[in-house]
Amino acid sequence: MNKIIDIDEFNLIVTAQAGITWEKLICELSVKGLRPRFMGPHSGCSAVIGGSVASASIGYGSAKYGSIGNQIIGLKVVLPMVQ
């Protein structure tokens, strides 16, 4: 679960899996001349997006654009089965 599913350049929306690192996301976007508003947590580029979402992370870009929660348009969550 560490892949970028889609980069919608027109609407500026990235669909990505939770295990992708901020470094990989930033590199993939830079190839297209783009960058995320929220650049990842202060713990660095090796952090994953899912961890940032789970901890309501703040980091580079938060002063201007808010925390990671302010950047999310939607989530698809897999929950465990309860028996």
PDB file of N, CA and C in Angstrom:
ATOM      1  N   MET A   1       0.825  -1.193   0.000  1.00  0.00           N
ATOM      2  CA  MET A   1       0.000   0.000   0.000  1.00  0.00           C
ATOM      3  C   MET A   1       0.873   1.263   0.000  1.00  0.00           C
ATOM      4  N   ASN A   2       1.786   1.324  -0.943  1.00  0.00           N
ATOM      5  CA  ASN A   2       2.704   2.460  -0.997  1.00  0.00           C
ATOM      6  C   ASN A   2       2.823   3.030  -2.412  1.00  0.00           C
ATOM      7  N   LYS A   3       1.687   3.188  -3.034  1.00  0.00           N
ATOM      8  CA  LYS A   3       1.696   3.674  -4.419  1.00  0.00           C
ATOM      9  C   LYS A   3       0.841   4.925  -4.587  1.00  0.00           C
ATOM     10  N   ILE A   4       1.181   5.692  -5.602  1.00  0.00           N
ATOM     11  CA  ILE A   4       0.326   6.792  -6.035  1.00  0.00           C
ATOM     12  C   ILE A   4      -0.634   6.197  -7.055  1.00  0.00           C
ATOM     13  N   ILE A   5      -1.909   6.359  -6.819  1.00  0.00           N
ATOM     14  CA  ILE A   5      -2.925   5.816  -7.715  1.00  0.00           C
ATOM     15  C   ILE A   5      -3.165   6.762  -8.885  1.00  0.00           C
ATOM     16  N   ASP A   6      -3.251   8.059  -8.590  1.00  0.00           N
ATOM     17  CA  ASP A   6      -3.558   9.036  -9.642  1.00  0.00           C
ATOM     18  C   ASP A   6      -3.076  10.419  -9.227  1.00  0.00           C
ATOM     19  N   ILE A   7      -2.603  11.170 -10.195  1.00  0.00           N
ATOM     20  CA  ILE A   7      -2.301  12.596 -10.010  1.00  0.00           C
ATOM     21  C   ILE A   7      -3.166  13.351 -11.006  1.00  0.00           C
ATOM     22  N   ASP A   8      -4.180  14.022 -10.502  1.00  0.00           N
ATOM     23  CA  ASP A   8      -5.096  14.810 -11.327  1.00  0.00           C
ATOM     24  C   ASP A   8      -4.531  16.232 -11.397  1.00  0.00           C
ATOM     25  N   GLU A   9      -3.815  16.517 -12.466  1.00  0.00           N
ATOM     26  CA  GLU A   9      -3.147  17.815 -12.606  1.00  0.00           C
ATOM     27  C   GLU A   9      -4.129  18.962 -12.792  1.00  0.00           C
ATOM     28  N   PHE A  10      -5.282  18.710 -13.374  1.00  0.00           N
ATOM     29  CA  PHE A  10      -6.261  19.765 -13.605  1.00  0.00           C
ATOM     30  C   PHE A  10      -6.892  20.228 -12.292  1.00  0.00           C
ATOM     31  N   ASN A  11      -7.327  19.271 -11.466  1.00  0.00           N
ATOM     32  CA  ASN A  11      -7.979  19.602 -10.198  1.00  0.00           C
ATOM     33  C   ASN A  11      -7.010  19.662  -9.015  1.00  0.00           C
ATOM     34  N   LEU A  12      -5.723  19.343  -9.278  1.00  0.00           N
ATOM     35  CA  LEU A  12      -4.684  19.330  -8.249  1.00  0.00           C
ATOM     36  C   LEU A  12      -5.043  18.411  -7.082  1.00  0.00           C
ATOM     37  N   ILE A  13      -5.371  17.160  -7.439  1.00  0.00           N
ATOM     38  CA  ILE A  13      -5.739  16.145  -6.447  1.00  0.00           C
ATOM     39  C   ILE A  13      -4.854  14.921  -6.652  1.00  0.00           C
ATOM     40  N   VAL A  14      -4.292  14.429  -5.557  1.00  0.00           N
ATOM     41  CA  VAL A  14      -3.502  13.203  -5.590  1.00  0.00           C
ATOM     42  C   VAL A  14      -4.278  12.117  -4.862  1.00  0.00           C
ATOM     43  N   THR A  15      -4.384  10.951  -5.490  1.00  0.00           N
ATOM     44  CA  THR A  15      -4.950   9.779  -4.835  1.00  0.00           C
ATOM     45  C   THR A  15      -3.782   8.848  -4.566  1.00  0.00           C
ATOM     46  N   ALA A  16      -3.544   8.556  -3.287  1.00  0.00           N
ATOM     47  CA  ALA A  16      -2.383   7.755  -2.908  1.00  0.00           C
ATOM     48  C   ALA A  16      -2.737   6.779  -1.799  1.00  0.00           C
ATOM     49  N   GLN A  17      -1.965   5.722  -1.712  1.00  0.00           N
ATOM     50  CA  GLN A  17      -2.142   4.750  -0.647  1.00  0.00           C
ATOM     51  C   GLN A  17      -1.429   5.237   0.616  1.00  0.00           C
ATOM     52  N   ALA A  18      -1.859   4.726   1.759  1.00  0.00           N
ATOM     53  CA  ALA A  18      -1.392   5.217   3.064  1.00  0.00           C
ATOM     54  C   ALA A  18       0.103   5.021   3.309  1.00  0.00           C
ATOM     55  N   GLY A  19       0.719   4.034   2.684  1.00  0.00           N
ATOM     56  CA  GLY A  19       2.115   3.732   2.969  1.00  0.00           C
ATOM     57  C   GLY A  19       3.137   4.462   2.129  1.00  0.00           C
ATOM     58  N   ILE A  20       2.711   5.362   1.278  1.00  0.00           N
ATOM     59  CA  ILE A  20       3.667   6.112   0.456  1.00  0.00           C
ATOM     60  C   ILE A  20       4.394   7.142   1.330  1.00  0.00           C
ATOM     61  N   THR A  21       5.689   7.259   1.121  1.00  0.00           N
ATOM     62  CA  THR A  21       6.454   8.241   1.899  1.00  0.00           C
ATOM     63  C   THR A  21       6.275   9.634   1.318  1.00  0.00           C
ATOM     64  N   TRP A  22       6.503  10.610   2.158  1.00  0.00           N
ATOM     65  CA  TRP A  22       6.423  11.998   1.688  1.00  0.00           C
ATOM     66  C   TRP A  22       7.482  12.267   0.633  1.00  0.00           C
ATOM     67  N   GLU A  23       8.654  11.645   0.776  1.00  0.00           N
ATOM     68  CA  GLU A  23       9.708  11.834  -0.213  1.00  0.00           C
ATOM     69  C   GLU A  23       9.268  11.350  -1.588  1.00  0.00           C
ATOM     70  N   LYS A  24       8.664  10.160  -1.650  1.00  0.00           N
ATOM     71  CA  LYS A  24       8.208   9.616  -2.937  1.00  0.00           C
ATOM     72  C   LYS A  24       7.116  10.500  -3.538  1.00  0.00           C
ATOM     73  N   LEU A  25       6.182  10.946  -2.708  1.00  0.00           N
ATOM     74  CA  LEU A  25       5.116  11.818  -3.198  1.00  0.00           C
ATOM     75  C   LEU A  25       5.679  13.122  -3.747  1.00  0.00           C
ATOM     76  N   ILE A  26       6.558  13.745  -3.003  1.00  0.00           N
ATOM     77  CA  ILE A  26       7.146  15.026  -3.431  1.00  0.00           C
ATOM     78  C   ILE A  26       7.934  14.852  -4.723  1.00  0.00           C
ATOM     79  N   CYS A  27       8.693  13.760  -4.842  1.00  0.00           N
ATOM     80  CA  CYS A  27       9.473  13.508  -6.068  1.00  0.00           C
ATOM     81  C   CYS A  27       8.568  13.293  -7.278  1.00  0.00           C
ATOM     82  N   GLU A  28       7.504  12.504  -7.105  1.00  0.00           N
ATOM     83  CA  GLU A  28       6.575  12.239  -8.212  1.00  0.00           C
ATOM     84  C   GLU A  28       5.867  13.522  -8.661  1.00  0.00           C
ATOM     85  N   LEU A  29       5.503  14.362  -7.708  1.00  0.00           N
ATOM     86  CA  LEU A  29       4.845  15.619  -8.060  1.00  0.00           C
ATOM     87  C   LEU A  29       5.810  16.580  -8.735  1.00  0.00           C
ATOM     88  N   SER A  30       7.065  16.599  -8.286  1.00  0.00           N
ATOM     89  CA  SER A  30       8.038  17.540  -8.863  1.00  0.00           C
ATOM     90  C   SER A  30       8.321  17.231 -10.331  1.00  0.00           C
ATOM     91  N   VAL A  31       8.204  15.966 -10.729  1.00  0.00           N
ATOM     92  CA  VAL A  31       8.376  15.587 -12.140  1.00  0.00           C
ATOM     93  C   VAL A  31       7.347  16.312 -13.002  1.00  0.00           C
ATOM     94  N   LYS A  32       6.181  16.564 -12.440  1.00  0.00           N
ATOM     95  CA  LYS A  32       5.103  17.241 -13.167  1.00  0.00           C
ATOM     96  C   LYS A  32       5.077  18.753 -12.884  1.00  0.00           C
ATOM     97  N   GLY A  33       6.088  19.249 -12.167  1.00  0.00           N
ATOM     98  CA  GLY A  33       6.153  20.676 -11.846  1.00  0.00           C
ATOM     99  C   GLY A  33       5.201  21.076 -10.729  1.00  0.00           C
ATOM    100  N   LEU A  34       4.806  20.112  -9.896  1.00  0.00           N
ATOM    101  CA  LEU A  34       3.865  20.374  -8.806  1.00  0.00           C
ATOM    102  C   LEU A  34       4.524  20.099  -7.464  1.00  0.00           C
ATOM    103  N   ARG A  35       3.886  20.540  -6.392  1.00  0.00           N
ATOM    104  CA  ARG A  35       4.310  20.200  -5.040  1.00  0.00           C
ATOM    105  C   ARG A  35       3.103  20.266  -4.118  1.00  0.00           C
ATOM    106  N   PRO A  36       3.110  19.468  -3.059  1.00  0.00           N
ATOM    107  CA  PRO A  36       1.977  19.512  -2.135  1.00  0.00           C
ATOM    108  C   PRO A  36       2.042  20.762  -1.266  1.00  0.00           C
ATOM    109  N   ARG A  37       0.890  21.244  -0.817  1.00  0.00           N
ATOM    110  CA  ARG A  37       0.877  22.377   0.101  1.00  0.00           C
ATOM    111  C   ARG A  37       1.465  21.973   1.441  1.00  0.00           C
ATOM    112  N   PHE A  38       1.070  20.809   1.924  1.00  0.00           N
ATOM    113  CA  PHE A  38       1.608  20.245   3.157  1.00  0.00           C
ATOM    114  C   PHE A  38       2.764  19.358   2.746  1.00  0.00           C
ATOM    115  N   MET A  39       3.968  19.676   3.167  1.00  0.00           N
ATOM    116  CA  MET A  39       5.165  18.989   2.686  1.00  0.00           C
ATOM    117  C   MET A  39       5.618  17.847   3.589  1.00  0.00           C
ATOM    118  N   GLY A  40       4.776  17.401   4.487  1.00  0.00           N
ATOM    119  CA  GLY A  40       5.149  16.308   5.378  1.00  0.00           C
ATOM    120  C   GLY A  40       5.460  16.805   6.771  1.00  0.00           C
ATOM    121  N   PRO A  41       5.521  15.892   7.718  1.00  0.00           N
ATOM    122  CA  PRO A  41       5.761  16.261   9.108  1.00  0.00           C
ATOM    123  C   PRO A  41       7.217  16.644   9.346  1.00  0.00           C
ATOM    124  N   HIS A  42       7.475  17.184  10.502  1.00  0.00           N
ATOM    125  CA  HIS A  42       8.844  17.573  10.854  1.00  0.00           C
ATOM    126  C   HIS A  42       9.763  16.375  11.034  1.00  0.00           C
ATOM    127  N   SER A  43       9.196  15.164  11.150  1.00  0.00           N
ATOM    128  CA  SER A  43      10.027  13.968  11.307  1.00  0.00           C
ATOM    129  C   SER A  43      10.752  13.593  10.020  1.00  0.00           C
ATOM    130  N   GLY A  44      10.379  14.186   8.913  1.00  0.00           N
ATOM    131  CA  GLY A  44      11.136  13.992   7.688  1.00  0.00           C
ATOM    132  C   GLY A  44      10.410  13.283   6.570  1.00  0.00           C
ATOM    133  N   CYS A  45      11.113  13.178   5.464  1.00  0.00           N
ATOM    134  CA  CYS A  45      10.534  12.627   4.241  1.00  0.00           C
ATOM    135  C   CYS A  45      10.310  11.129   4.298  1.00  0.00           C
ATOM    136  N   SER A  46      10.902  10.433   5.275  1.00  0.00           N
ATOM    137  CA  SER A  46      10.697   8.984   5.364  1.00  0.00           C
ATOM    138  C   SER A  46       9.374   8.639   6.038  1.00  0.00           C
ATOM    139  N   ALA A  47       8.696   9.642   6.600  1.00  0.00           N
ATOM    140  CA  ALA A  47       7.377   9.416   7.196  1.00  0.00           C
ATOM    141  C   ALA A  47       6.377   9.092   6.096  1.00  0.00           C
ATOM    142  N   VAL A  48       5.343   8.321   6.448  1.00  0.00           N
ATOM    143  CA  VAL A  48       4.329   7.948   5.462  1.00  0.00           C
ATOM    144  C   VAL A  48       3.075   8.805   5.638  1.00  0.00           C
ATOM    145  N   ILE A  49       2.326   8.928   4.556  1.00  0.00           N
ATOM    146  CA  ILE A  49       1.128   9.757   4.562  1.00  0.00           C
ATOM    147  C   ILE A  49       0.102   9.253   5.573  1.00  0.00           C
ATOM    148  N   GLY A  50      -0.093   7.946   5.628  1.00  0.00           N
ATOM    149  CA  GLY A  50      -1.062   7.379   6.564  1.00  0.00           C
ATOM    150  C   GLY A  50      -0.748   7.724   8.012  1.00  0.00           C
ATOM    151  N   GLY A  51       0.515   7.723   8.371  1.00  0.00           N
ATOM    152  CA  GLY A  51       0.921   8.094   9.722  1.00  0.00           C
ATOM    153  C   GLY A  51       0.642   9.552  10.010  1.00  0.00           C
ATOM    154  N   SER A  52       0.835  10.399   9.012  1.00  0.00           N
ATOM    155  CA  SER A  52       0.548  11.828   9.162  1.00  0.00           C
ATOM    156  C   SER A  52      -0.936  12.065   9.378  1.00  0.00           C
ATOM    157  N   VAL A  53      -1.765  11.318   8.642  1.00  0.00           N
ATOM    158  CA  VAL A  53      -3.218  11.446   8.791  1.00  0.00           C
ATOM    159  C   VAL A  53      -3.646  10.935  10.167  1.00  0.00           C
ATOM    160  N   ALA A  54      -3.113   9.780  10.561  1.00  0.00           N
ATOM    161  CA  ALA A  54      -3.490   9.159  11.833  1.00  0.00           C
ATOM    162  C   ALA A  54      -3.137  10.022  13.032  1.00  0.00           C
ATOM    163  N   SER A  55      -2.079  10.815  12.923  1.00  0.00           N
ATOM    164  CA  SER A  55      -1.641  11.627  14.062  1.00  0.00           C
ATOM    165  C   SER A  55      -1.980  13.112  13.908  1.00  0.00           C
ATOM    166  N   ALA A  56      -2.811  13.446  12.939  1.00  0.00           N
ATOM    167  CA  ALA A  56      -3.194  14.842  12.674  1.00  0.00           C
ATOM    168  C   ALA A  56      -1.950  15.725  12.618  1.00  0.00           C
ATOM    169  N   SER A  57      -1.024  15.307  11.812  1.00  0.00           N
ATOM    170  CA  SER A  57       0.301  15.908  11.742  1.00  0.00           C
ATOM    171  C   SER A  57       0.300  17.362  11.267  1.00  0.00           C
ATOM    172  N   ILE A  58       1.252  18.089  11.810  1.00  0.00           N
ATOM    173  CA  ILE A  58       1.578  19.414  11.282  1.00  0.00           C
ATOM    174  C   ILE A  58       3.014  19.331  10.797  1.00  0.00           C
ATOM    175  N   GLY A  59       3.396  20.228   9.919  1.00  0.00           N
ATOM    176  CA  GLY A  59       4.757  20.190   9.393  1.00  0.00           C
ATOM    177  C   GLY A  59       4.987  21.340   8.449  1.00  0.00           C
ATOM    178  N   TYR A  60       5.867  21.127   7.503  1.00  0.00           N
ATOM    179  CA  TYR A  60       6.221  22.163   6.547  1.00  0.00           C
ATOM    180  C   TYR A  60       5.004  22.561   5.725  1.00  0.00           C
ATOM    181  N   GLY A  61       4.630  23.804   5.763  1.00  0.00           N
ATOM    182  CA  GLY A  61       3.467  24.302   5.036  1.00  0.00           C
ATOM    183  C   GLY A  61       2.258  24.502   5.929  1.00  0.00           C
ATOM    184  N   SER A  62       2.302  24.015   7.173  1.00  0.00           N
ATOM    185  CA  SER A  62       1.141  24.105   8.067  1.00  0.00           C
ATOM    186  C   SER A  62       0.802  25.536   8.476  1.00  0.00           C
ATOM    187  N   ALA A  63       1.807  26.367   8.618  1.00  0.00           N
ATOM    188  CA  ALA A  63       1.539  27.747   9.037  1.00  0.00           C
ATOM    189  C   ALA A  63       0.643  28.456   8.030  1.00  0.00           C
ATOM    190  N   LYS A  64       0.810  28.139   6.761  1.00  0.00           N
ATOM    191  CA  LYS A  64       0.016  28.788   5.717  1.00  0.00           C
ATOM    192  C   LYS A  64      -1.241  28.006   5.350  1.00  0.00           C
ATOM    193  N   TYR A  65      -1.138  26.661   5.274  1.00  0.00           N
ATOM    194  CA  TYR A  65      -2.236  25.850   4.744  1.00  0.00           C
ATOM    195  C   TYR A  65      -2.941  24.977   5.785  1.00  0.00           C
ATOM    196  N   GLY A  66      -2.476  24.927   7.009  1.00  0.00           N
ATOM    197  CA  GLY A  66      -3.091  24.108   8.039  1.00  0.00           C
ATOM    198  C   GLY A  66      -2.475  22.725   8.126  1.00  0.00           C
ATOM    199  N   SER A  67      -3.024  21.901   8.991  1.00  0.00           N
ATOM    200  CA  SER A  67      -2.498  20.550   9.200  1.00  0.00           C
ATOM    201  C   SER A  67      -2.880  19.638   8.037  1.00  0.00           C
ATOM    202  N   ILE A  68      -2.444  18.405   8.109  1.00  0.00           N
ATOM    203  CA  ILE A  68      -2.750  17.436   7.059  1.00  0.00           C
ATOM    204  C   ILE A  68      -4.269  17.284   6.885  1.00  0.00           C
ATOM    205  N   GLY A  69      -5.014  17.388   7.972  1.00  0.00           N
ATOM    206  CA  GLY A  69      -6.467  17.254   7.900  1.00  0.00           C
ATOM    207  C   GLY A  69      -7.137  18.295   7.021  1.00  0.00           C
ATOM    208  N   ASN A  70      -6.512  19.453   6.902  1.00  0.00           N
ATOM    209  CA  ASN A  70      -7.053  20.507   6.051  1.00  0.00           C
ATOM    210  C   ASN A  70      -6.821  20.241   4.561  1.00  0.00           C
ATOM    211  N   GLN A  71      -6.007  19.251   4.253  1.00  0.00           N
ATOM    212  CA  GLN A  71      -5.659  18.967   2.864  1.00  0.00           C
ATOM    213  C   GLN A  71      -6.408  17.756   2.306  1.00  0.00           C
ATOM    214  N   ILE A  72      -7.077  17.004   3.169  1.00  0.00           N
ATOM    215  CA  ILE A  72      -7.726  15.757   2.752  1.00  0.00           C
ATOM    216  C   ILE A  72      -9.106  16.034   2.161  1.00  0.00           C
ATOM    217  N   ILE A  73      -9.358  15.464   0.997  1.00  0.00           N
ATOM    218  CA  ILE A  73     -10.668  15.577   0.363  1.00  0.00           C
ATOM    219  C   ILE A  73     -11.527  14.375   0.726  1.00  0.00           C
ATOM    220  N   GLY A  74     -10.925  13.202   0.830  1.00  0.00           N
ATOM    221  CA  GLY A  74     -11.673  11.995   1.177  1.00  0.00           C
ATOM    222  C   GLY A  74     -10.741  10.878   1.583  1.00  0.00           C
ATOM    223  N   LEU A  75     -11.293   9.901   2.271  1.00  0.00           N
ATOM    224  CA  LEU A  75     -10.537   8.722   2.698  1.00  0.00           C
ATOM    225  C   LEU A  75     -11.319   7.465   2.363  1.00  0.00           C
ATOM    226  N   LYS A  76     -10.606   6.429   2.015  1.00  0.00           N
ATOM    227  CA  LYS A  76     -11.193   5.106   1.882  1.00  0.00           C
ATOM    228  C   LYS A  76     -10.490   4.265   2.943  1.00  0.00           C
ATOM    229  N   VAL A  77     -11.263   3.806   3.917  1.00  0.00           N
ATOM    230  CA  VAL A  77     -10.688   3.143   5.081  1.00  0.00           C
ATOM    231  C   VAL A  77     -11.058   1.665   5.094  1.00  0.00           C
ATOM    232  N   VAL A  78     -10.090   0.816   5.385  1.00  0.00           N
ATOM    233  CA  VAL A  78     -10.336  -0.617   5.528  1.00  0.00           C
ATOM    234  C   VAL A  78     -10.382  -0.923   7.009  1.00  0.00           C
ATOM    235  N   LEU A  79     -11.511  -1.445   7.472  1.00  0.00           N
ATOM    236  CA  LEU A  79     -11.690  -1.769   8.879  1.00  0.00           C
ATOM    237  C   LEU A  79     -11.650  -3.284   9.075  1.00  0.00           C
ATOM    238  N   PRO A  80     -11.245  -3.739  10.279  1.00  0.00           N
ATOM    239  CA  PRO A  80     -11.223  -5.169  10.538  1.00  0.00           C
ATOM    240  C   PRO A  80     -12.635  -5.721  10.683  1.00  0.00           C
ATOM    241  N   MET A  81     -12.778  -6.998  10.388  1.00  0.00           N
ATOM    242  CA  MET A  81     -14.075  -7.651  10.579  1.00  0.00           C
ATOM    243  C   MET A  81     -14.261  -7.969  12.059  1.00  0.00           C
ATOM    244  N   VAL A  82     -15.441  -7.713  12.559  1.00  0.00           N
ATOM    245  CA  VAL A  82     -15.767  -8.039  13.945  1.00  0.00           C
ATOM    246  C   VAL A  82     -16.679  -9.257  13.929  1.00  0.00           C
ATOM    247  N   GLN A  83     -16.329 -10.249  14.734  1.00  0.00           N
ATOM    248  CA  GLN A  83     -17.131 -11.474  14.750  1.00  0.00           C
ATOM    249  C   GLN A  83     -17.890 -11.614  16.038  1.00  0.00           C
TER     250      GLN A  83
END
